[in-house]
Amino acid sequence: EGEFDRRASATLARLADALEDGLGDEADVDFSGGILTVTLEKGGRYVLNQHVPNRQIWLSSPRSGASHYAFDAVRGAWIGTRSGRTLAEVLAEDLGDVAELTLD
């Protein structure tokens, strides 16, 4: 559980920094209390948080809905439990489309 918490917290902190840089004035990015909230100027609120009992990061997206991500050590990424897509891919697509930006 300790390793999950460290990994998930570090991931959310890196995402907060990357999204703040990548979205600039297009969004308000807030990371506090282990919850990452991204509110886009063009509409939409995205929430990411740790779900400790399942050792997952959960995403609530107005574009793609709710999804859960578990860390895959082989791929070195958080992978959607239903979609098989990485958390980074989904966020880049969802946020980039709404903000009309290309996010890496």
PDB file of N, CA and C in Angstrom:
ATOM      1  N   GLU A   1       0.821  -1.198   0.000  1.00  0.00           N
ATOM      2  CA  GLU A   1       0.000   0.000   0.000  1.00  0.00           C
ATOM      3  C   GLU A   1       0.861   1.256   0.000  1.00  0.00           C
ATOM      4  N   GLY A   2       1.992   1.201   0.699  1.00  0.00           N
ATOM      5  CA  GLY A   2       2.900   2.347   0.742  1.00  0.00           C
ATOM      6  C   GLY A   2       3.474   2.673  -0.625  1.00  0.00           C
ATOM      7  N   GLU A   3       3.867   1.631  -1.355  1.00  0.00           N
ATOM      8  CA  GLU A   3       4.420   1.859  -2.693  1.00  0.00           C
ATOM      9  C   GLU A   3       3.352   2.415  -3.628  1.00  0.00           C
ATOM     10  N   PHE A   4       2.132   1.886  -3.544  1.00  0.00           N
ATOM     11  CA  PHE A   4       1.046   2.419  -4.365  1.00  0.00           C
ATOM     12  C   PHE A   4       0.853   3.902  -4.081  1.00  0.00           C
ATOM     13  N   ASP A   5       0.802   4.262  -2.800  1.00  0.00           N
ATOM     14  CA  ASP A   5       0.573   5.661  -2.426  1.00  0.00           C
ATOM     15  C   ASP A   5       1.672   6.563  -2.973  1.00  0.00           C
ATOM     16  N   ARG A   6       2.913   6.149  -2.841  1.00  0.00           N
ATOM     17  CA  ARG A   6       4.034   6.948  -3.360  1.00  0.00           C
ATOM     18  C   ARG A   6       3.949   7.090  -4.878  1.00  0.00           C
ATOM     19  N   ARG A   7       3.697   5.970  -5.559  1.00  0.00           N
ATOM     20  CA  ARG A   7       3.644   6.002  -7.018  1.00  0.00           C
ATOM     21  C   ARG A   7       2.472   6.846  -7.519  1.00  0.00           C
ATOM     22  N   ALA A   8       1.301   6.645  -6.936  1.00  0.00           N
ATOM     23  CA  ALA A   8       0.114   7.386  -7.363  1.00  0.00           C
ATOM     24  C   ALA A   8       0.260   8.873  -7.057  1.00  0.00           C
ATOM     25  N   SER A   9       0.759   9.213  -5.880  1.00  0.00           N
ATOM     26  CA  SER A   9       0.950  10.622  -5.515  1.00  0.00           C
ATOM     27  C   SER A   9       1.947  11.297  -6.444  1.00  0.00           C
ATOM     28  N   ALA A  10       3.043  10.606  -6.726  1.00  0.00           N
ATOM     29  CA  ALA A  10       4.051  11.162  -7.634  1.00  0.00           C
ATOM     30  C   ALA A  10       3.474  11.351  -9.038  1.00  0.00           C
ATOM     31  N   THR A  11       2.675  10.395  -9.488  1.00  0.00           N
ATOM     32  CA  THR A  11       2.054  10.493 -10.813  1.00  0.00           C
ATOM     33  C   THR A  11       1.114  11.689 -10.872  1.00  0.00           C
ATOM     34  N   LEU A  12       0.269  11.842  -9.882  1.00  0.00           N
ATOM     35  CA  LEU A  12      -0.684  12.956  -9.879  1.00  0.00           C
ATOM     36  C   LEU A  12       0.047  14.300  -9.804  1.00  0.00           C
ATOM     37  N   ALA A  13       1.126  14.369  -9.029  1.00  0.00           N
ATOM     38  CA  ALA A  13       1.905  15.606  -8.935  1.00  0.00           C
ATOM     39  C   ALA A  13       2.559  15.934 -10.276  1.00  0.00           C
ATOM     40  N   ARG A  14       3.126  14.929 -10.953  1.00  0.00           N
ATOM     41  CA  ARG A  14       3.736  15.152 -12.281  1.00  0.00           C
ATOM     42  C   ARG A  14       2.684  15.581 -13.291  1.00  0.00           C
ATOM     43  N   LEU A  15       1.520  14.933 -13.239  1.00  0.00           N
ATOM     44  CA  LEU A  15       0.438  15.316 -14.149  1.00  0.00           C
ATOM     45  C   LEU A  15       0.001  16.753 -13.900  1.00  0.00           C
ATOM     46  N   ALA A  16      -0.107  17.144 -12.644  1.00  0.00           N
ATOM     47  CA  ALA A  16      -0.504  18.519 -12.317  1.00  0.00           C
ATOM     48  C   ALA A  16       0.481  19.506 -12.929  1.00  0.00           C
ATOM     49  N   ASP A  17       1.775  19.261 -12.771  1.00  0.00           N
ATOM     50  CA  ASP A  17       2.795  20.152 -13.346  1.00  0.00           C
ATOM     51  C   ASP A  17       2.723  20.173 -14.867  1.00  0.00           C
ATOM     52  N   ALA A  18       2.620  18.991 -15.471  1.00  0.00           N
ATOM     53  CA  ALA A  18       2.593  18.894 -16.939  1.00  0.00           C
ATOM     54  C   ALA A  18       1.346  19.562 -17.509  1.00  0.00           C
ATOM     55  N   LEU A  19       0.204  19.366 -16.862  1.00  0.00           N
ATOM     56  CA  LEU A  19      -1.036  19.964 -17.364  1.00  0.00           C
ATOM     57  C   LEU A  19      -1.037  21.472 -17.176  1.00  0.00           C
ATOM     58  N   GLU A  20      -0.482  21.929 -16.083  1.00  0.00           N
ATOM     59  CA  GLU A  20      -0.393  23.372 -15.868  1.00  0.00           C
ATOM     60  C   GLU A  20       0.470  24.014 -16.957  1.00  0.00           C
ATOM     61  N   ASP A  21       1.588  23.366 -17.282  1.00  0.00           N
ATOM     62  CA  ASP A  21       2.465  23.874 -18.345  1.00  0.00           C
ATOM     63  C   ASP A  21       1.802  23.756 -19.716  1.00  0.00           C
ATOM     64  N   GLY A  22       1.223  22.589 -20.000  1.00  0.00           N
ATOM     65  CA  GLY A  22       0.668  22.327 -21.321  1.00  0.00           C
ATOM     66  C   GLY A  22      -0.608  23.079 -21.634  1.00  0.00           C
ATOM     67  N   LEU A  23      -1.432  23.303 -20.611  1.00  0.00           N
ATOM     68  CA  LEU A  23      -2.719  23.972 -20.840  1.00  0.00           C
ATOM     69  C   LEU A  23      -2.648  25.480 -20.649  1.00  0.00           C
ATOM     70  N   GLY A  24      -1.651  25.944 -19.920  1.00  0.00           N
ATOM     71  CA  GLY A  24      -1.474  27.382 -19.726  1.00  0.00           C
ATOM     72  C   GLY A  24      -2.734  28.058 -19.217  1.00  0.00           C
ATOM     73  N   ASP A  25      -3.139  29.113 -19.917  1.00  0.00           N
ATOM     74  CA  ASP A  25      -4.316  29.900 -19.522  1.00  0.00           C
ATOM     75  C   ASP A  25      -5.633  29.228 -19.875  1.00  0.00           C
ATOM     76  N   GLU A  26      -5.572  28.074 -20.518  1.00  0.00           N
ATOM     77  CA  GLU A  26      -6.792  27.370 -20.931  1.00  0.00           C
ATOM     78  C   GLU A  26      -7.461  26.614 -19.784  1.00  0.00           C
ATOM     79  N   ALA A  27      -6.764  26.509 -18.631  1.00  0.00           N
ATOM     80  CA  ALA A  27      -7.315  25.696 -17.544  1.00  0.00           C
ATOM     81  C   ALA A  27      -6.825  26.163 -16.183  1.00  0.00           C
ATOM     82  N   ASP A  28      -7.601  25.827 -15.185  1.00  0.00           N
ATOM     83  CA  ASP A  28      -7.203  25.999 -13.800  1.00  0.00           C
ATOM     84  C   ASP A  28      -6.869  24.602 -13.291  1.00  0.00           C
ATOM     85  N   VAL A  29      -5.634  24.391 -12.865  1.00  0.00           N
ATOM     86  CA  VAL A  29      -5.171  23.095 -12.386  1.00  0.00           C
ATOM     87  C   VAL A  29      -4.915  23.199 -10.891  1.00  0.00           C
ATOM     88  N   ASP A  30      -5.551  22.334 -10.116  1.00  0.00           N
ATOM     89  CA  ASP A  30      -5.397  22.350  -8.665  1.00  0.00           C
ATOM     90  C   ASP A  30      -5.088  20.931  -8.184  1.00  0.00           C
ATOM     91  N   PHE A  31      -4.016  20.814  -7.415  1.00  0.00           N
ATOM     92  CA  PHE A  31      -3.656  19.528  -6.822  1.00  0.00           C
ATOM     93  C   PHE A  31      -3.515  19.723  -5.325  1.00  0.00           C
ATOM     94  N   SER A  32      -4.487  19.241  -4.596  1.00  0.00           N
ATOM     95  CA  SER A  32      -4.419  19.345  -3.144  1.00  0.00           C
ATOM     96  C   SER A  32      -5.165  18.176  -2.510  1.00  0.00           C
ATOM     97  N   GLY A  33      -4.659  17.741  -1.371  1.00  0.00           N
ATOM     98  CA  GLY A  33      -5.278  16.633  -0.660  1.00  0.00           C
ATOM     99  C   GLY A  33      -5.325  15.345  -1.453  1.00  0.00           C
ATOM    100  N   GLY A  34      -4.377  15.171  -2.389  1.00  0.00           N
ATOM    101  CA  GLY A  34      -4.335  13.961  -3.191  1.00  0.00           C
ATOM    102  C   GLY A  34      -5.327  13.929  -4.335  1.00  0.00           C
ATOM    103  N   ILE A  35      -6.003  15.050  -4.573  1.00  0.00           N
ATOM    104  CA  ILE A  35      -6.989  15.133  -5.659  1.00  0.00           C
ATOM    105  C   ILE A  35      -6.526  16.178  -6.667  1.00  0.00           C
ATOM    106  N   LEU A  36      -6.475  15.761  -7.920  1.00  0.00           N
ATOM    107  CA  LEU A  36      -6.102  16.650  -9.017  1.00  0.00           C
ATOM    108  C   LEU A  36      -7.372  17.052  -9.764  1.00  0.00           C
ATOM    109  N   THR A  37      -7.628  18.358  -9.811  1.00  0.00           N
ATOM    110  CA  THR A  37      -8.806  18.877 -10.494  1.00  0.00           C
ATOM    111  C   THR A  37      -8.345  19.815 -11.602  1.00  0.00           C
ATOM    112  N   VAL A  38      -8.874  19.589 -12.800  1.00  0.00           N
ATOM    113  CA  VAL A  38      -8.563  20.432 -13.951  1.00  0.00           C
ATOM    114  C   VAL A  38      -9.882  20.992 -14.470  1.00  0.00           C
ATOM    115  N   THR A  39     -10.002  22.309 -14.444  1.00  0.00           N
ATOM    116  CA  THR A  39     -11.203  22.976 -14.928  1.00  0.00           C
ATOM    117  C   THR A  39     -10.820  23.780 -16.158  1.00  0.00           C
ATOM    118  N   LEU A  40     -11.377  23.413 -17.299  1.00  0.00           N
ATOM    119  CA  LEU A  40     -11.047  24.076 -18.560  1.00  0.00           C
ATOM    120  C   LEU A  40     -11.872  25.337 -18.747  1.00  0.00           C
ATOM    121  N   GLU A  41     -11.240  26.357 -19.309  1.00  0.00           N
ATOM    122  CA  GLU A  41     -11.930  27.610 -19.611  1.00  0.00           C
ATOM    123  C   GLU A  41     -13.089  27.388 -20.579  1.00  0.00           C
ATOM    124  N   LYS A  42     -12.916  26.454 -21.498  1.00  0.00           N
ATOM    125  CA  LYS A  42     -13.950  26.182 -22.505  1.00  0.00           C
ATOM    126  C   LYS A  42     -15.019  25.226 -21.996  1.00  0.00           C
ATOM    127  N   GLY A  43     -14.940  24.888 -20.729  1.00  0.00           N
ATOM    128  CA  GLY A  43     -15.951  24.021 -20.124  1.00  0.00           C
ATOM    129  C   GLY A  43     -15.437  22.638 -19.830  1.00  0.00           C
ATOM    130  N   GLY A  44     -15.857  22.118 -18.719  1.00  0.00           N
ATOM    131  CA  GLY A  44     -15.491  20.765 -18.333  1.00  0.00           C
ATOM    132  C   GLY A  44     -14.586  20.737 -17.128  1.00  0.00           C
ATOM    133  N   ARG A  45     -14.900  19.822 -16.248  1.00  0.00           N
ATOM    134  CA  ARG A  45     -14.104  19.645 -15.036  1.00  0.00           C
ATOM    135  C   ARG A  45     -13.678  18.182 -14.963  1.00  0.00           C
ATOM    136  N   TYR A  46     -12.384  17.964 -14.828  1.00  0.00           N
ATOM    137  CA  TYR A  46     -11.786  16.637 -14.764  1.00  0.00           C
ATOM    138  C   TYR A  46     -11.229  16.432 -13.364  1.00  0.00           C
ATOM    139  N   VAL A  47     -11.492  15.274 -12.778  1.00  0.00           N
ATOM    140  CA  VAL A  47     -11.018  14.988 -11.431  1.00  0.00           C
ATOM    141  C   VAL A  47     -10.288  13.650 -11.440  1.00  0.00           C
ATOM    142  N   LEU A  48      -9.084  13.650 -10.878  1.00  0.00           N
ATOM    143  CA  LEU A  48      -8.292  12.427 -10.730  1.00  0.00           C
ATOM    144  C   LEU A  48      -7.957  12.253  -9.262  1.00  0.00           C
ATOM    145  N   ASN A  49      -8.093  11.033  -8.779  1.00  0.00           N
ATOM    146  CA  ASN A  49      -7.749  10.758  -7.394  1.00  0.00           C
ATOM    147  C   ASN A  49      -7.323   9.305  -7.227  1.00  0.00           C
ATOM    148  N   GLN A  50      -6.670   9.069  -6.107  1.00  0.00           N
ATOM    149  CA  GLN A  50      -6.253   7.712  -5.767  1.00  0.00           C
ATOM    150  C   GLN A  50      -7.431   6.965  -5.163  1.00  0.00           C
ATOM    151  N   HIS A  51      -7.566   5.719  -5.543  1.00  0.00           N
ATOM    152  CA  HIS A  51      -8.536   4.848  -4.891  1.00  0.00           C
ATOM    153  C   HIS A  51      -7.717   3.730  -4.257  1.00  0.00           C
ATOM    154  N   VAL A  52      -7.388   3.927  -2.984  1.00  0.00           N
ATOM    155  CA  VAL A  52      -6.464   3.042  -2.275  1.00  0.00           C
ATOM    156  C   VAL A  52      -6.950   1.597  -2.202  1.00  0.00           C
ATOM    157  N   PRO A  53      -8.234   1.327  -1.872  1.00  0.00           N
ATOM    158  CA  PRO A  53      -8.642  -0.082  -1.752  1.00  0.00           C
ATOM    159  C   PRO A  53      -8.379  -0.915  -3.010  1.00  0.00           C
ATOM    160  N   ASN A  54      -8.522  -0.299  -4.183  1.00  0.00           N
ATOM    161  CA  ASN A  54      -8.286  -1.024  -5.437  1.00  0.00           C
ATOM    162  C   ASN A  54      -6.910  -0.764  -6.024  1.00  0.00           C
ATOM    163  N   ARG A  55      -6.139   0.098  -5.368  1.00  0.00           N
ATOM    164  CA  ARG A  55      -4.808   0.495  -5.865  1.00  0.00           C
ATOM    165  C   ARG A  55      -4.895   0.993  -7.304  1.00  0.00           C
ATOM    166  N   GLN A  56      -5.782   1.951  -7.493  1.00  0.00           N
ATOM    167  CA  GLN A  56      -6.011   2.525  -8.821  1.00  0.00           C
ATOM    168  C   GLN A  56      -6.063   4.048  -8.737  1.00  0.00           C
ATOM    169  N   ILE A  57      -5.861   4.665  -9.880  1.00  0.00           N
ATOM    170  CA  ILE A  57      -6.153   6.089 -10.040  1.00  0.00           C
ATOM    171  C   ILE A  57      -7.464   6.154 -10.802  1.00  0.00           C
ATOM    172  N   TRP A  58      -8.384   6.940 -10.290  1.00  0.00           N
ATOM    173  CA  TRP A  58      -9.686   7.084 -10.929  1.00  0.00           C
ATOM    174  C   TRP A  58      -9.774   8.437 -11.600  1.00  0.00           C
ATOM    175  N   LEU A  59     -10.371   8.452 -12.780  1.00  0.00           N
ATOM    176  CA  LEU A  59     -10.578   9.675 -13.560  1.00  0.00           C
ATOM    177  C   LEU A  59     -12.064   9.873 -13.794  1.00  0.00           C
ATOM    178  N   SER A  60     -12.516  11.085 -13.525  1.00  0.00           N
ATOM    179  CA  SER A  60     -13.872  11.484 -13.885  1.00  0.00           C
ATOM    180  C   SER A  60     -13.725  12.544 -14.962  1.00  0.00           C
ATOM    181  N   SER A  61     -14.217  12.241 -16.160  1.00  0.00           N
ATOM    182  CA  SER A  61     -14.071  13.118 -17.317  1.00  0.00           C
ATOM    183  C   SER A  61     -15.431  13.402 -17.938  1.00  0.00           C
ATOM    184  N   PRO A  62     -15.743  14.677 -18.190  1.00  0.00           N
ATOM    185  CA  PRO A  62     -17.011  14.969 -18.853  1.00  0.00           C
ATOM    186  C   PRO A  62     -17.031  14.495 -20.308  1.00  0.00           C
ATOM    187  N   ARG A  63     -15.871  14.218 -20.856  1.00  0.00           N
ATOM    188  CA  ARG A  63     -15.788  13.783 -22.254  1.00  0.00           C
ATOM    189  C   ARG A  63     -15.848  12.262 -22.383  1.00  0.00           C
ATOM    190  N   SER A  64     -15.018  11.554 -21.610  1.00  0.00           N
ATOM    191  CA  SER A  64     -14.939  10.093 -21.759  1.00  0.00           C
ATOM    192  C   SER A  64     -15.580   9.323 -20.607  1.00  0.00           C
ATOM    193  N   GLY A  65     -16.075  10.027 -19.600  1.00  0.00           N
ATOM    194  CA  GLY A  65     -16.745   9.364 -18.487  1.00  0.00           C
ATOM    195  C   GLY A  65     -15.780   8.948 -17.388  1.00  0.00           C
ATOM    196  N   ALA A  66     -16.220   8.024 -16.578  1.00  0.00           N
ATOM    197  CA  ALA A  66     -15.417   7.537 -15.457  1.00  0.00           C
ATOM    198  C   ALA A  66     -14.555   6.359 -15.915  1.00  0.00           C
ATOM    199  N   SER A  67     -13.319   6.353 -15.452  1.00  0.00           N
ATOM    200  CA  SER A  67     -12.432   5.244 -15.789  1.00  0.00           C
ATOM    201  C   SER A  67     -11.446   5.017 -14.654  1.00  0.00           C
ATOM    202  N   HIS A  68     -10.913   3.808 -14.615  1.00  0.00           N
ATOM    203  CA  HIS A  68      -9.998   3.389 -13.551  1.00  0.00           C
ATOM    204  C   HIS A  68      -8.697   2.910 -14.176  1.00  0.00           C
ATOM    205  N   TYR A  69      -7.578   3.223 -13.518  1.00  0.00           N
ATOM    206  CA  TYR A  69      -6.258   2.893 -14.049  1.00  0.00           C
ATOM    207  C   TYR A  69      -5.421   2.195 -12.992  1.00  0.00           C
ATOM    208  N   ALA A  70      -4.854   1.062 -13.355  1.00  0.00           N
ATOM    209  CA  ALA A  70      -3.967   0.311 -12.470  1.00  0.00           C
ATOM    210  C   ALA A  70      -2.553   0.377 -13.040  1.00  0.00           C
ATOM    211  N   PHE A  71      -1.569   0.409 -12.164  1.00  0.00           N
ATOM    212  CA  PHE A  71      -0.195   0.500 -12.636  1.00  0.00           C
ATOM    213  C   PHE A  71       0.269  -0.837 -13.183  1.00  0.00           C
ATOM    214  N   ASP A  72       0.836  -0.799 -14.380  1.00  0.00           N
ATOM    215  CA  ASP A  72       1.389  -1.982 -15.034  1.00  0.00           C
ATOM    216  C   ASP A  72       2.908  -1.817 -15.035  1.00  0.00           C
ATOM    217  N   ALA A  73       3.592  -2.604 -14.210  1.00  0.00           N
ATOM    218  CA  ALA A  73       5.037  -2.483 -14.077  1.00  0.00           C
ATOM    219  C   ALA A  73       5.772  -2.807 -15.369  1.00  0.00           C
ATOM    220  N   VAL A  74       5.244  -3.718 -16.165  1.00  0.00           N
ATOM    221  CA  VAL A  74       5.889  -4.092 -17.424  1.00  0.00           C
ATOM    222  C   VAL A  74       5.881  -2.911 -18.390  1.00  0.00           C
ATOM    223  N   ARG A  75       4.754  -2.256 -18.504  1.00  0.00           N
ATOM    224  CA  ARG A  75       4.636  -1.099 -19.399  1.00  0.00           C
ATOM    225  C   ARG A  75       5.099   0.199 -18.752  1.00  0.00           C
ATOM    226  N   GLY A  76       5.209   0.191 -17.433  1.00  0.00           N
ATOM    227  CA  GLY A  76       5.643   1.384 -16.719  1.00  0.00           C
ATOM    228  C   GLY A  76       4.635   2.513 -16.816  1.00  0.00           C
ATOM    229  N   ALA A  77       3.345   2.168 -16.835  1.00  0.00           N
ATOM    230  CA  ALA A  77       2.300   3.169 -17.028  1.00  0.00           C
ATOM    231  C   ALA A  77       1.022   2.756 -16.316  1.00  0.00           C
ATOM    232  N   TRP A  78       0.163   3.733 -16.102  1.00  0.00           N
ATOM    233  CA  TRP A  78      -1.174   3.480 -15.553  1.00  0.00           C
ATOM    234  C   TRP A  78      -2.081   3.119 -16.714  1.00  0.00           C
ATOM    235  N   ILE A  79      -2.649   1.909 -16.670  1.00  0.00           N
ATOM    236  CA  ILE A  79      -3.413   1.353 -17.781  1.00  0.00           C
ATOM    237  C   ILE A  79      -4.892   1.243 -17.392  1.00  0.00           C
ATOM    238  N   GLY A  80      -5.767   1.668 -18.304  1.00  0.00           N
ATOM    239  CA  GLY A  80      -7.204   1.589 -18.073  1.00  0.00           C
ATOM    240  C   GLY A  80      -7.645   0.152 -17.890  1.00  0.00           C
ATOM    241  N   THR A  81      -8.418  -0.095 -16.844  1.00  0.00           N
ATOM    242  CA  THR A  81      -8.839  -1.456 -16.544  1.00  0.00           C
ATOM    243  C   THR A  81      -9.822  -1.996 -17.570  1.00  0.00           C
ATOM    244  N   ARG A  82     -10.506  -1.127 -18.293  1.00  0.00           N
ATOM    245  CA  ARG A  82     -11.442  -1.573 -19.331  1.00  0.00           C
ATOM    246  C   ARG A  82     -10.935  -1.275 -20.736  1.00  0.00           C
ATOM    247  N   SER A  83     -10.280  -0.141 -20.895  1.00  0.00           N
ATOM    248  CA  SER A  83      -9.888   0.292 -22.243  1.00  0.00           C
ATOM    249  C   SER A  83      -8.525  -0.223 -22.681  1.00  0.00           C
ATOM    250  N   GLY A  84      -7.625  -0.466 -21.734  1.00  0.00           N
ATOM    251  CA  GLY A  84      -6.263  -0.853 -22.081  1.00  0.00           C
ATOM    252  C   GLY A  84      -5.404   0.320 -22.505  1.00  0.00           C
ATOM    253  N   ARG A  85      -5.975   1.520 -22.509  1.00  0.00           N
ATOM    254  CA  ARG A  85      -5.233   2.735 -22.884  1.00  0.00           C
ATOM    255  C   ARG A  85      -4.553   3.311 -21.646  1.00  0.00           C
ATOM    256  N   THR A  86      -3.476   4.050 -21.864  1.00  0.00           N
ATOM    257  CA  THR A  86      -2.793   4.664 -20.729  1.00  0.00           C
ATOM    258  C   THR A  86      -3.546   5.910 -20.269  1.00  0.00           C
ATOM    259  N   LEU A  87      -3.360   6.222 -18.998  1.00  0.00           N
ATOM    260  CA  LEU A  87      -3.952   7.427 -18.430  1.00  0.00           C
ATOM    261  C   LEU A  87      -3.462   8.660 -19.187  1.00  0.00           C
ATOM    262  N   ALA A  88      -2.192   8.691 -19.515  1.00  0.00           N
ATOM    263  CA  ALA A  88      -1.628   9.833 -20.242  1.00  0.00           C
ATOM    264  C   ALA A  88      -2.290  10.015 -21.608  1.00  0.00           C
ATOM    265  N   GLU A  89      -2.523   8.925 -22.320  1.00  0.00           N
ATOM    266  CA  GLU A  89      -3.183   9.001 -23.634  1.00  0.00           C
ATOM    267  C   GLU A  89      -4.591   9.573 -23.517  1.00  0.00           C
ATOM    268  N   VAL A  90      -5.341   9.074 -22.556  1.00  0.00           N
ATOM    269  CA  VAL A  90      -6.729   9.517 -22.388  1.00  0.00           C
ATOM    270  C   VAL A  90      -6.773  10.987 -22.017  1.00  0.00           C
ATOM    271  N   LEU A  91      -5.927  11.395 -21.079  1.00  0.00           N
ATOM    272  CA  LEU A  91      -5.910  12.806 -20.682  1.00  0.00           C
ATOM    273  C   LEU A  91      -5.495  13.713 -21.832  1.00  0.00           C
ATOM    274  N   ALA A  92      -4.461  13.328 -22.547  1.00  0.00           N
ATOM    275  CA  ALA A  92      -4.000  14.151 -23.673  1.00  0.00           C
ATOM    276  C   ALA A  92      -5.101  14.313 -24.714  1.00  0.00           C
ATOM    277  N   GLU A  93      -5.819  13.235 -24.995  1.00  0.00           N
ATOM    278  CA  GLU A  93      -6.896  13.295 -25.985  1.00  0.00           C
ATOM    279  C   GLU A  93      -8.078  14.120 -25.472  1.00  0.00           C
ATOM    280  N   ASP A  94      -8.555  13.796 -24.280  1.00  0.00           N
ATOM    281  CA  ASP A  94      -9.715  14.486 -23.717  1.00  0.00           C
ATOM    282  C   ASP A  94      -9.461  15.983 -23.559  1.00  0.00           C
ATOM    283  N   LEU A  95      -8.404  16.317 -22.852  1.00  0.00           N
ATOM    284  CA  LEU A  95      -8.121  17.725 -22.566  1.00  0.00           C
ATOM    285  C   LEU A  95      -7.678  18.474 -23.811  1.00  0.00           C
ATOM    286  N   GLY A  96      -6.876  17.827 -24.640  1.00  0.00           N
ATOM    287  CA  GLY A  96      -6.417  18.471 -25.869  1.00  0.00           C
ATOM    288  C   GLY A  96      -7.551  18.802 -26.812  1.00  0.00           C
ATOM    289  N   ASP A  97      -8.511  17.885 -26.947  1.00  0.00           N
ATOM    290  CA  ASP A  97      -9.657  18.138 -27.832  1.00  0.00           C
ATOM    291  C   ASP A  97     -10.483  19.312 -27.346  1.00  0.00           C
ATOM    292  N   VAL A  98     -10.781  19.357 -26.062  1.00  0.00           N
ATOM    293  CA  VAL A  98     -11.615  20.431 -25.534  1.00  0.00           C
ATOM    294  C   VAL A  98     -10.878  21.769 -25.573  1.00  0.00           C
ATOM    295  N   ALA A  99      -9.600  21.767 -25.182  1.00  0.00           N
ATOM    296  CA  ALA A  99      -8.821  22.999 -25.162  1.00  0.00           C
ATOM    297  C   ALA A  99      -8.300  23.390 -26.543  1.00  0.00           C
ATOM    298  N   GLU A 100      -8.487  22.499 -27.512  1.00  0.00           N
ATOM    299  CA  GLU A 100      -8.003  22.710 -28.882  1.00  0.00           C
ATOM    300  C   GLU A 100      -6.486  22.918 -28.902  1.00  0.00           C
ATOM    301  N   LEU A 101      -5.797  22.035 -28.163  1.00  0.00           N
ATOM    302  CA  LEU A 101      -4.346  22.040 -28.083  1.00  0.00           C
ATOM    303  C   LEU A 101      -3.818  20.629 -28.316  1.00  0.00           C
ATOM    304  N   THR A 102      -2.592  20.532 -28.726  1.00  0.00           N
ATOM    305  CA  THR A 102      -1.940  19.225 -28.821  1.00  0.00           C
ATOM    306  C   THR A 102      -1.129  19.033 -27.544  1.00  0.00           C
ATOM    307  N   LEU A 103      -1.517  18.031 -26.766  1.00  0.00           N
ATOM    308  CA  LEU A 103      -0.820  17.747 -25.521  1.00  0.00           C
ATOM    309  C   LEU A 103      -0.001  16.483 -25.676  1.00  0.00           C
ATOM    310  N   ASP A 104       1.186  16.504 -25.091  1.00  0.00           N
ATOM    311  CA  ASP A 104       2.089  15.355 -25.165  1.00  0.00           C
ATOM    312  C   ASP A 104       2.053  14.618 -23.847  1.00  0.00           C
TER     313      ASP A 104
END
